[in-house]
Amino acid sequence: MLRRVIGNVAVRRQIQRALSSKSGGGSGKPSDVSTAVDSMLLRSLKEHYLEVSKMTPPPKVTPPSPFEIVKGSLEGTGAVLKKSVGNEEISLFVMRLAHGGDDEDEDGINQLFLHVAVSKPNQAESLHFLCGLYPDALGIHSVSMRPKLEDLELSDDPARYTGPSFEELDEKMRDVFHSFLEERGVNESLFPFLQAWLYVKDHRNLLRWFKSVGTYVHETLSAENA
């Protein structure tokens, strides 16, 4: 649904018609064209804002225990879930894959990018796993030692060695790394919560975008009409 709202072809056609009608007779001023387009854009932003605001949110899903939701995670790029196991703290960062392809339908998120950070007190670096998370599986893409993270920003020194490709490891070691995460509750059981969480985050971000762009266009239009 969010994708349909963004990809509205009718709006582009209306703008093209407005430009044609203003410029076709040769009498329209550039400011007239600008005002017409700004008004049309503002109307479209308002309509889409209302449409998105009426969307039905997904059913509330709780994360698997004992993971806890990080306060304020919907508003930033930090960890979504955390839990402690012995002297370890496990932090989960999540985002949708940039290109879902055939595995992502129009109204759903069927594959996620999961970043797992396993840290210990008094240690500057953490063990990091970059994973693909699916409804029925979790796949590890890489394992590395990195500085502790506050948000999902990896700014590595390109010359720094971060370890071999996960596929280069022998099968037994790959299986043990999967077991390492499984023992800490990092598996496909996280998918329902993280899928719903991302939907809510996308929804909020889209509403915020429509509102901020609409405010900007409204102020521009007011200045043009002053």
C-alpha atoms as a PDB file:
ATOM      1  CA  MET A   1       0.000   0.000   0.000  1.00  0.00           C
ATOM      2  CA  LEU A   2       2.794   2.448   0.861  1.00  0.00           C
ATOM      3  CA  ARG A   3       4.394   1.721  -2.500  1.00  0.00           C
ATOM      4  CA  ARG A   4       1.134   2.449  -4.351  1.00  0.00           C
ATOM      5  CA  VAL A   5       0.808   5.816  -2.636  1.00  0.00           C
ATOM      6  CA  ILE A   6       4.280   6.911  -3.701  1.00  0.00           C
ATOM      7  CA  GLY A   7       3.992   5.713  -7.292  1.00  0.00           C
ATOM      8  CA  ASN A   8       0.870   7.665  -8.336  1.00  0.00           C
ATOM      9  CA  VAL A   9       1.123   8.298 -12.094  1.00  0.00           C
ATOM     10  CA  ALA A  10      -2.066  10.385 -12.195  1.00  0.00           C
ATOM     11  CA  VAL A  11      -0.391  13.200 -10.276  1.00  0.00           C
ATOM     12  CA  ARG A  12       2.394  13.457 -12.835  1.00  0.00           C
ATOM     13  CA  ARG A  13      -0.159  13.608 -15.667  1.00  0.00           C
ATOM     14  CA  GLN A  14      -2.074  16.416 -13.947  1.00  0.00           C
ATOM     15  CA  ILE A  15       1.108  18.444 -13.604  1.00  0.00           C
ATOM     16  CA  GLN A  16       1.992  17.873 -17.252  1.00  0.00           C
ATOM     17  CA  ARG A  17      -1.491  19.048 -18.325  1.00  0.00           C
ATOM     18  CA  ALA A  18      -1.156  22.145 -16.145  1.00  0.00           C
ATOM     19  CA  LEU A  19       2.173  23.013 -17.705  1.00  0.00           C
ATOM     20  CA  SER A  20       0.791  22.464 -21.214  1.00  0.00           C
ATOM     21  CA  SER A  21      -2.296  24.607 -20.645  1.00  0.00           C
ATOM     22  CA  LYS A  22      -0.253  27.442 -19.167  1.00  0.00           C
ATOM     23  CA  SER A  23       2.413  27.447 -21.837  1.00  0.00           C
ATOM     24  CA  GLY A  24       0.281  26.480 -24.870  1.00  0.00           C
ATOM     25  CA  GLY A  25      -1.269  29.894 -25.420  1.00  0.00           C
ATOM     26  CA  GLY A  26       1.969  31.752 -24.891  1.00  0.00           C
ATOM     27  CA  SER A  27       0.337  34.163 -22.427  1.00  0.00           C
ATOM     28  CA  GLY A  28       1.072  32.387 -19.183  1.00  0.00           C
ATOM     29  CA  LYS A  29       3.744  33.880 -16.944  1.00  0.00           C
ATOM     30  CA  PRO A  30       6.389  31.608 -15.366  1.00  0.00           C
ATOM     31  CA  SER A  31       5.036  32.587 -11.945  1.00  0.00           C
ATOM     32  CA  ASP A  32       1.533  31.462 -12.997  1.00  0.00           C
ATOM     33  CA  VAL A  33       2.883  28.052 -13.973  1.00  0.00           C
ATOM     34  CA  SER A  34       4.821  27.767 -10.726  1.00  0.00           C
ATOM     35  CA  THR A  35       1.767  28.659  -8.630  1.00  0.00           C
ATOM     36  CA  ALA A  36      -0.428  26.148 -10.469  1.00  0.00           C
ATOM     37  CA  VAL A  37       2.080  23.346 -10.014  1.00  0.00           C
ATOM     38  CA  ASP A  38       2.686  24.227  -6.354  1.00  0.00           C
ATOM     39  CA  SER A  39      -1.064  24.235  -5.656  1.00  0.00           C
ATOM     40  CA  MET A  40      -1.505  20.888  -7.365  1.00  0.00           C
ATOM     41  CA  LEU A  41       1.445  19.412  -5.490  1.00  0.00           C
ATOM     42  CA  LEU A  42       0.147  20.680  -2.160  1.00  0.00           C
ATOM     43  CA  ARG A  43      -3.294  19.194  -2.859  1.00  0.00           C
ATOM     44  CA  SER A  44      -1.740  15.861  -3.789  1.00  0.00           C
ATOM     45  CA  LEU A  45       0.421  15.813  -0.657  1.00  0.00           C
ATOM     46  CA  LYS A  46      -2.629  16.471   1.528  1.00  0.00           C
ATOM     47  CA  GLU A  47      -4.627  13.718  -0.184  1.00  0.00           C
ATOM     48  CA  HIS A  48      -1.861  11.179   0.198  1.00  0.00           C
ATOM     49  CA  TYR A  49      -1.214  12.191   3.803  1.00  0.00           C
ATOM     50  CA  LEU A  50      -4.863  11.531   4.608  1.00  0.00           C
ATOM     51  CA  GLU A  51      -4.800   8.239   2.719  1.00  0.00           C
ATOM     52  CA  VAL A  52      -1.726   6.995   4.567  1.00  0.00           C
ATOM     53  CA  SER A  53      -3.046   8.196   7.938  1.00  0.00           C
ATOM     54  CA  LYS A  54      -6.151   6.010   7.458  1.00  0.00           C
ATOM     55  CA  MET A  55      -4.178   2.815   6.843  1.00  0.00           C
ATOM     56  CA  THR A  56      -4.930   0.001   9.250  1.00  0.00           C
ATOM     57  CA  PRO A  57      -1.821  -0.842  11.289  1.00  0.00           C
ATOM     58  CA  PRO A  58      -0.737  -4.484  11.549  1.00  0.00           C
ATOM     59  CA  PRO A  59      -1.806  -6.471  14.615  1.00  0.00           C
ATOM     60  CA  LYS A  60       0.364  -5.748  17.629  1.00  0.00           C
ATOM     61  CA  VAL A  61       3.198  -8.264  17.933  1.00  0.00           C
ATOM     62  CA  THR A  62       5.480  -8.682  20.924  1.00  0.00           C
ATOM     63  CA  PRO A  63       9.126  -9.698  20.522  1.00  0.00           C
ATOM     64  CA  PRO A  64      10.245 -13.123  21.716  1.00  0.00           C
ATOM     65  CA  SER A  65      11.170 -13.062  25.410  1.00  0.00           C
ATOM     66  CA  PRO A  66      13.501 -11.925  26.893  1.00  0.00           C
ATOM     67  CA  PHE A  67      14.213  -9.408  24.111  1.00  0.00           C
ATOM     68  CA  GLU A  68      13.034  -5.920  25.017  1.00  0.00           C
ATOM     69  CA  ILE A  69      12.143  -3.054  22.700  1.00  0.00           C
ATOM     70  CA  VAL A  70      14.614  -0.180  22.900  1.00  0.00           C
ATOM     71  CA  LYS A  71      12.824   3.026  23.881  1.00  0.00           C
ATOM     72  CA  GLY A  72      12.713   5.540  21.036  1.00  0.00           C
ATOM     73  CA  SER A  73      13.854   3.038  18.414  1.00  0.00           C
ATOM     74  CA  LEU A  74      11.082   4.043  15.995  1.00  0.00           C
ATOM     75  CA  GLU A  75      12.479   7.567  15.829  1.00  0.00           C
ATOM     76  CA  GLY A  76      16.133   6.790  15.157  1.00  0.00           C
ATOM     77  CA  THR A  77      18.617   4.372  13.610  1.00  0.00           C
ATOM     78  CA  GLY A  78      19.741   2.641  16.780  1.00  0.00           C
ATOM     79  CA  ALA A  79      19.065  -0.844  18.065  1.00  0.00           C
ATOM     80  CA  VAL A  80      15.484  -2.118  17.960  1.00  0.00           C
ATOM     81  CA  LEU A  81      15.779  -4.956  20.460  1.00  0.00           C
ATOM     82  CA  LYS A  82      18.219  -5.756  23.254  1.00  0.00           C
ATOM     83  CA  LYS A  83      18.712  -8.451  25.834  1.00  0.00           C
ATOM     84  CA  SER A  84      21.398  -9.643  28.230  1.00  0.00           C
ATOM     85  CA  VAL A  85      22.701 -13.202  28.412  1.00  0.00           C
ATOM     86  CA  GLY A  86      25.226 -13.703  31.191  1.00  0.00           C
ATOM     87  CA  ASN A  87      27.898 -11.062  30.650  1.00  0.00           C
ATOM     88  CA  GLU A  88      26.833 -10.427  27.059  1.00  0.00           C
ATOM     89  CA  GLU A  89      24.529  -7.769  25.674  1.00  0.00           C
ATOM     90  CA  ILE A  90      22.856  -8.617  22.374  1.00  0.00           C
ATOM     91  CA  SER A  91      21.622  -5.721  20.246  1.00  0.00           C
ATOM     92  CA  LEU A  92      19.553  -6.116  17.092  1.00  0.00           C
ATOM     93  CA  PHE A  93      19.438  -3.501  14.327  1.00  0.00           C
ATOM     94  CA  VAL A  94      17.072  -4.007  11.399  1.00  0.00           C
ATOM     95  CA  MET A  95      16.186  -2.457   8.073  1.00  0.00           C
ATOM     96  CA  ARG A  96      14.413  -3.554   4.918  1.00  0.00           C
ATOM     97  CA  LEU A  97      16.599  -4.684   2.046  1.00  0.00           C
ATOM     98  CA  ALA A  98      17.115  -1.966  -0.564  1.00  0.00           C
ATOM     99  CA  HIS A  99      15.704  -4.149  -3.350  1.00  0.00           C
ATOM    100  CA  GLY A 100      13.283  -6.809  -2.193  1.00  0.00           C
ATOM    101  CA  GLY A 101      12.815  -8.223  -5.692  1.00  0.00           C
ATOM    102  CA  ASP A 102      10.417 -11.104  -6.198  1.00  0.00           C
ATOM    103  CA  ASP A 103      10.477 -12.023  -2.503  1.00  0.00           C
ATOM    104  CA  GLU A 104       8.751  -8.806  -1.453  1.00  0.00           C
ATOM    105  CA  ASP A 105       5.086  -8.370  -2.320  1.00  0.00           C
ATOM    106  CA  GLU A 106       3.344  -5.030  -2.636  1.00  0.00           C
ATOM    107  CA  ASP A 107       1.962  -4.875   0.877  1.00  0.00           C
ATOM    108  CA  GLY A 108       4.500  -6.892   2.814  1.00  0.00           C
ATOM    109  CA  ILE A 109       8.130  -7.101   3.859  1.00  0.00           C
ATOM    110  CA  ASN A 110       9.299 -10.665   3.407  1.00  0.00           C
ATOM    111  CA  GLN A 111      13.029 -10.300   3.902  1.00  0.00           C
ATOM    112  CA  LEU A 112      14.965  -8.142   6.327  1.00  0.00           C
ATOM    113  CA  PHE A 113      18.539  -7.048   6.848  1.00  0.00           C
ATOM    114  CA  LEU A 114      19.465  -7.926  10.439  1.00  0.00           C
ATOM    115  CA  HIS A 115      22.600  -6.681  12.176  1.00  0.00           C
ATOM    116  CA  VAL A 116      23.421  -8.528  15.400  1.00  0.00           C
ATOM    117  CA  ALA A 117      25.982  -7.054  17.821  1.00  0.00           C
ATOM    118  CA  VAL A 118      27.198  -9.208  20.726  1.00  0.00           C
ATOM    119  CA  SER A 119      29.165  -7.094  23.194  1.00  0.00           C
ATOM    120  CA  LYS A 120      30.787  -7.555  26.590  1.00  0.00           C
ATOM    121  CA  PRO A 121      31.585  -4.987  29.278  1.00  0.00           C
ATOM    122  CA  ASN A 122      35.056  -3.445  29.287  1.00  0.00           C
ATOM    123  CA  GLN A 123      35.665  -4.528  25.690  1.00  0.00           C
ATOM    124  CA  ALA A 124      35.904  -1.900  22.971  1.00  0.00           C
ATOM    125  CA  GLU A 125      34.900  -4.247  20.159  1.00  0.00           C
ATOM    126  CA  SER A 126      31.881  -6.463  19.633  1.00  0.00           C
ATOM    127  CA  LEU A 127      31.183  -9.544  17.560  1.00  0.00           C
ATOM    128  CA  HIS A 128      29.000  -8.492  14.637  1.00  0.00           C
ATOM    129  CA  PHE A 129      26.823 -10.631  12.397  1.00  0.00           C
ATOM    130  CA  LEU A 130      25.234  -9.303   9.218  1.00  0.00           C
ATOM    131  CA  CYS A 131      22.266 -11.518   8.389  1.00  0.00           C
ATOM    132  CA  GLY A 132      19.299 -11.935   6.111  1.00  0.00           C
ATOM    133  CA  LEU A 133      16.129 -12.686   8.075  1.00  0.00           C
ATOM    134  CA  TYR A 134      13.159 -14.453   6.473  1.00  0.00           C
ATOM    135  CA  PRO A 135       9.858 -15.828   7.814  1.00  0.00           C
ATOM    136  CA  ASP A 136      11.308 -19.335   7.958  1.00  0.00           C
ATOM    137  CA  ALA A 137      15.080 -18.893   8.119  1.00  0.00           C
ATOM    138  CA  LEU A 138      18.051 -16.767   9.095  1.00  0.00           C
ATOM    139  CA  GLY A 139      21.151 -16.634   6.910  1.00  0.00           C
ATOM    140  CA  ILE A 140      24.514 -15.229   7.984  1.00  0.00           C
ATOM    141  CA  HIS A 141      26.335 -13.097   5.408  1.00  0.00           C
ATOM    142  CA  SER A 142      29.387 -12.063   7.421  1.00  0.00           C
ATOM    143  CA  VAL A 143      31.009 -12.209  10.856  1.00  0.00           C
ATOM    144  CA  SER A 144      33.468  -9.576  12.067  1.00  0.00           C
ATOM    145  CA  MET A 145      34.908  -7.768  15.067  1.00  0.00           C
ATOM    146  CA  ARG A 146      33.956  -4.078  15.082  1.00  0.00           C
ATOM    147  CA  PRO A 147      33.742  -1.164  17.514  1.00  0.00           C
ATOM    148  CA  LYS A 148      30.543  -1.070  19.552  1.00  0.00           C
ATOM    149  CA  LEU A 149      27.609   0.509  17.707  1.00  0.00           C
ATOM    150  CA  GLU A 150      25.141   3.156  18.791  1.00  0.00           C
ATOM    151  CA  ASP A 151      23.303   3.235  15.478  1.00  0.00           C
ATOM    152  CA  LEU A 152      23.238   1.405  12.163  1.00  0.00           C
ATOM    153  CA  GLU A 153      26.211   3.179  10.623  1.00  0.00           C
ATOM    154  CA  LEU A 154      29.223   1.102   9.628  1.00  0.00           C
ATOM    155  CA  SER A 155      32.141   3.410   8.832  1.00  0.00           C
ATOM    156  CA  ASP A 156      34.998   0.993   8.392  1.00  0.00           C
ATOM    157  CA  ASP A 157      38.509   1.833   7.356  1.00  0.00           C
ATOM    158  CA  PRO A 158      38.568   0.229   3.883  1.00  0.00           C
ATOM    159  CA  ALA A 159      42.074  -1.082   4.602  1.00  0.00           C
ATOM    160  CA  ARG A 160      40.960  -2.834   7.781  1.00  0.00           C
ATOM    161  CA  TYR A 161      40.598  -6.594   7.590  1.00  0.00           C
ATOM    162  CA  THR A 162      37.146  -7.661   8.803  1.00  0.00           C
ATOM    163  CA  GLY A 163      37.458 -11.393   8.283  1.00  0.00           C
ATOM    164  CA  PRO A 164      36.865 -13.893   5.507  1.00  0.00           C
ATOM    165  CA  SER A 165      33.701 -14.158   3.478  1.00  0.00           C
ATOM    166  CA  PHE A 166      31.246 -16.315   5.403  1.00  0.00           C
ATOM    167  CA  GLU A 167      30.984 -18.668   2.436  1.00  0.00           C
ATOM    168  CA  GLU A 168      34.749 -19.218   2.573  1.00  0.00           C
ATOM    169  CA  LEU A 169      34.440 -20.831   5.997  1.00  0.00           C
ATOM    170  CA  ASP A 170      34.041 -24.582   6.106  1.00  0.00           C
ATOM    171  CA  GLU A 171      30.553 -25.963   6.614  1.00  0.00           C
ATOM    172  CA  LYS A 172      31.185 -27.065  10.195  1.00  0.00           C
ATOM    173  CA  MET A 173      32.273 -23.576  11.281  1.00  0.00           C
ATOM    174  CA  ARG A 174      29.303 -21.988   9.500  1.00  0.00           C
ATOM    175  CA  ASP A 175      26.969 -24.366  11.334  1.00  0.00           C
ATOM    176  CA  VAL A 176      28.579 -23.485  14.665  1.00  0.00           C
ATOM    177  CA  PHE A 177      28.104 -19.760  14.043  1.00  0.00           C
ATOM    178  CA  HIS A 178      24.432 -20.403  13.281  1.00  0.00           C
ATOM    179  CA  SER A 179      24.192 -22.378  16.534  1.00  0.00           C
ATOM    180  CA  PHE A 180      25.900 -19.480  18.348  1.00  0.00           C
ATOM    181  CA  LEU A 181      23.068 -17.166  17.307  1.00  0.00           C
ATOM    182  CA  GLU A 182      20.375 -19.780  17.849  1.00  0.00           C
ATOM    183  CA  GLU A 183      21.525 -20.268  21.453  1.00  0.00           C
ATOM    184  CA  ARG A 184      21.034 -16.546  21.985  1.00  0.00           C
ATOM    185  CA  GLY A 185      17.533 -16.538  20.533  1.00  0.00           C
ATOM    186  CA  VAL A 186      18.486 -14.932  17.230  1.00  0.00           C
ATOM    187  CA  ASN A 187      16.469 -16.839  14.649  1.00  0.00           C
ATOM    188  CA  GLU A 188      13.385 -16.670  12.429  1.00  0.00           C
ATOM    189  CA  SER A 189      11.098 -16.298  15.476  1.00  0.00           C
ATOM    190  CA  LEU A 190      12.080 -12.608  15.452  1.00  0.00           C
ATOM    191  CA  PHE A 191      10.616 -12.050  11.997  1.00  0.00           C
ATOM    192  CA  PRO A 192       6.928 -11.350  12.855  1.00  0.00           C
ATOM    193  CA  PHE A 193       7.808  -8.623  15.343  1.00  0.00           C
ATOM    194  CA  LEU A 194      10.503  -6.990  13.214  1.00  0.00           C
ATOM    195  CA  GLN A 195       8.275  -7.094  10.128  1.00  0.00           C
ATOM    196  CA  ALA A 196       5.468  -5.299  12.000  1.00  0.00           C
ATOM    197  CA  TRP A 197       7.936  -2.868  13.582  1.00  0.00           C
ATOM    198  CA  LEU A 198       9.341  -1.899  10.176  1.00  0.00           C
ATOM    199  CA  TYR A 199       5.830  -1.383   8.795  1.00  0.00           C
ATOM    200  CA  VAL A 200       5.058   1.060  11.611  1.00  0.00           C
ATOM    201  CA  LYS A 201       8.386   2.849  11.130  1.00  0.00           C
ATOM    202  CA  ASP A 202       7.843   3.152   7.361  1.00  0.00           C
ATOM    203  CA  HIS A 203       4.320   4.466   8.013  1.00  0.00           C
ATOM    204  CA  ARG A 204       5.584   7.127  10.425  1.00  0.00           C
ATOM    205  CA  ASN A 205       8.411   8.153   8.127  1.00  0.00           C
ATOM    206  CA  LEU A 206       6.050   8.515   5.166  1.00  0.00           C
ATOM    207  CA  LEU A 207       3.587  10.636   7.145  1.00  0.00           C
ATOM    208  CA  ARG A 208       6.454  12.808   8.364  1.00  0.00           C
ATOM    209  CA  TRP A 209       7.716  13.196   4.791  1.00  0.00           C
ATOM    210  CA  PHE A 210       4.318  14.221   3.391  1.00  0.00           C
ATOM    211  CA  LYS A 211       3.902  16.713   6.237  1.00  0.00           C
ATOM    212  CA  SER A 212       7.369  18.292   5.973  1.00  0.00           C
ATOM    213  CA  VAL A 213       7.265  18.597   2.164  1.00  0.00           C
ATOM    214  CA  GLY A 214       3.701  19.941   2.351  1.00  0.00           C
ATOM    215  CA  THR A 215       4.750  22.574   4.887  1.00  0.00           C
ATOM    216  CA  TYR A 216       7.610  23.665   2.647  1.00  0.00           C
ATOM    217  CA  VAL A 217       5.404  23.905  -0.459  1.00  0.00           C
ATOM    218  CA  HIS A 218       2.699  25.766   1.498  1.00  0.00           C
ATOM    219  CA  GLU A 219       5.222  28.360   2.680  1.00  0.00           C
ATOM    220  CA  THR A 220       6.538  28.750  -0.874  1.00  0.00           C
ATOM    221  CA  LEU A 221       2.997  29.171  -2.212  1.00  0.00           C
ATOM    222  CA  SER A 222       2.160  31.747   0.457  1.00  0.00           C
ATOM    223  CA  ALA A 223       5.259  33.744  -0.467  1.00  0.00           C
ATOM    224  CA  GLU A 224       4.343  33.645  -4.174  1.00  0.00           C
ATOM    225  CA  ASN A 225       0.828  34.923  -3.454  1.00  0.00           C
ATOM    226  CA  ALA A 226       1.970  37.641  -1.068  1.00  0.00           C
END
